[in-house]
Amino acid sequence: MAEENKLREVVVIGSKLKDAVKALGCQSSGDLVEAVSEKVHDMIVDAVERAKQNGRATVRPYDL
């Protein structure tokens, strides 16, 4: 259970995300950082699975 909680910690930098949204002319809601982080977690899980299916322990950019 502790590993799952660790896995789902926020992995994006909120201020950088908000700056990027602002630079594109929009505002960001308070829960945007968590939502983007969840998407990133999903991408990481999929990439790890792909690497393992290919017999690798190293996740590479093309696994995304």
C-alpha atoms as a PDB file:
ATOM      1  CA  MET A   1       0.000   0.000   0.000  1.00  0.00           C
ATOM      2  CA  ALA A   2       2.825   2.421   0.815  1.00  0.00           C
ATOM      3  CA  GLU A   3       4.343   1.767  -2.619  1.00  0.00           C
ATOM      4  CA  GLU A   4       1.049   2.625  -4.338  1.00  0.00           C
ATOM      5  CA  ASN A   5       0.821   5.877  -2.365  1.00  0.00           C
ATOM      6  CA  LYS A   6       4.420   6.703  -3.285  1.00  0.00           C
ATOM      7  CA  LEU A   7       3.693   5.921  -6.935  1.00  0.00           C
ATOM      8  CA  ARG A   8       0.782   8.359  -7.018  1.00  0.00           C
ATOM      9  CA  GLU A   9       2.589  11.356  -5.541  1.00  0.00           C
ATOM     10  CA  VAL A  10       2.508  14.483  -7.692  1.00  0.00           C
ATOM     11  CA  VAL A  11       5.329  14.210 -10.225  1.00  0.00           C
ATOM     12  CA  VAL A  12       4.907  17.475 -12.111  1.00  0.00           C
ATOM     13  CA  ILE A  13       6.099  20.909 -11.053  1.00  0.00           C
ATOM     14  CA  GLY A  14       2.941  22.885 -10.427  1.00  0.00           C
ATOM     15  CA  SER A  15       4.435  26.324 -10.956  1.00  0.00           C
ATOM     16  CA  LYS A  16       5.971  25.299 -14.293  1.00  0.00           C
ATOM     17  CA  LEU A  17       2.695  23.778 -15.467  1.00  0.00           C
ATOM     18  CA  LYS A  18       0.760  26.888 -14.474  1.00  0.00           C
ATOM     19  CA  ASP A  19       3.355  29.111 -16.178  1.00  0.00           C
ATOM     20  CA  ALA A  20       3.011  27.085 -19.394  1.00  0.00           C
ATOM     21  CA  VAL A  21      -0.777  27.388 -19.351  1.00  0.00           C
ATOM     22  CA  LYS A  22      -0.547  31.118 -18.631  1.00  0.00           C
ATOM     23  CA  ALA A  23       1.964  31.609 -21.467  1.00  0.00           C
ATOM     24  CA  LEU A  24      -0.630  30.122 -23.811  1.00  0.00           C
ATOM     25  CA  GLY A  25      -3.197  32.675 -22.680  1.00  0.00           C
ATOM     26  CA  CYS A  26      -5.311  30.672 -20.236  1.00  0.00           C
ATOM     27  CA  GLN A  27      -5.729  30.234 -16.523  1.00  0.00           C
ATOM     28  CA  SER A  28      -5.395  26.915 -14.688  1.00  0.00           C
ATOM     29  CA  SER A  29      -7.793  25.466 -12.158  1.00  0.00           C
ATOM     30  CA  GLY A  30      -6.618  24.355  -8.741  1.00  0.00           C
ATOM     31  CA  ASP A  31      -6.875  20.656  -9.553  1.00  0.00           C
ATOM     32  CA  LEU A  32      -5.050  20.803 -12.904  1.00  0.00           C
ATOM     33  CA  VAL A  33      -1.688  19.789 -11.417  1.00  0.00           C
ATOM     34  CA  GLU A  34      -3.144  16.613  -9.897  1.00  0.00           C
ATOM     35  CA  ALA A  35      -4.958  15.735 -13.134  1.00  0.00           C
ATOM     36  CA  VAL A  36      -1.813  16.161 -15.241  1.00  0.00           C
ATOM     37  CA  SER A  37       0.177  14.167 -12.698  1.00  0.00           C
ATOM     38  CA  GLU A  38      -2.346  11.303 -12.944  1.00  0.00           C
ATOM     39  CA  LYS A  39      -1.962  11.299 -16.746  1.00  0.00           C
ATOM     40  CA  VAL A  40       1.827  11.191 -16.348  1.00  0.00           C
ATOM     41  CA  HIS A  41       1.519   8.275 -13.910  1.00  0.00           C
ATOM     42  CA  ASP A  42      -0.581   6.386 -16.457  1.00  0.00           C
ATOM     43  CA  MET A  43       2.065   7.038 -19.110  1.00  0.00           C
ATOM     44  CA  ILE A  44       4.811   5.804 -16.777  1.00  0.00           C
ATOM     45  CA  VAL A  45       2.943   2.599 -15.920  1.00  0.00           C
ATOM     46  CA  ASP A  46       2.337   1.891 -19.629  1.00  0.00           C
ATOM     47  CA  ALA A  47       5.977   2.615 -20.498  1.00  0.00           C
ATOM     48  CA  VAL A  48       7.276   0.324 -17.737  1.00  0.00           C
ATOM     49  CA  GLU A  49       4.972  -2.453 -18.917  1.00  0.00           C
ATOM     50  CA  ARG A  50       6.189  -2.040 -22.504  1.00  0.00           C
ATOM     51  CA  ALA A  51       9.840  -2.123 -21.434  1.00  0.00           C
ATOM     52  CA  LYS A  52       9.259  -5.297 -19.404  1.00  0.00           C
ATOM     53  CA  GLN A  53       7.430  -6.939 -22.317  1.00  0.00           C
ATOM     54  CA  ASN A  54      10.511  -6.251 -24.405  1.00  0.00           C
ATOM     55  CA  GLY A  55      12.790  -7.849 -21.813  1.00  0.00           C
ATOM     56  CA  ARG A  56      14.266  -4.582 -20.583  1.00  0.00           C
ATOM     57  CA  ALA A  57      14.562  -3.056 -17.136  1.00  0.00           C
ATOM     58  CA  THR A  58      15.267   0.373 -18.611  1.00  0.00           C
ATOM     59  CA  VAL A  59      12.392   2.581 -19.725  1.00  0.00           C
ATOM     60  CA  ARG A  60      13.281   4.527 -22.842  1.00  0.00           C
ATOM     61  CA  PRO A  61      11.574   7.488 -24.515  1.00  0.00           C
ATOM     62  CA  TYR A  62      10.075   5.321 -27.243  1.00  0.00           C
ATOM     63  CA  ASP A  63       8.268   3.267 -24.578  1.00  0.00           C
ATOM     64  CA  LEU A  64       6.006   6.287 -24.166  1.00  0.00           C
END
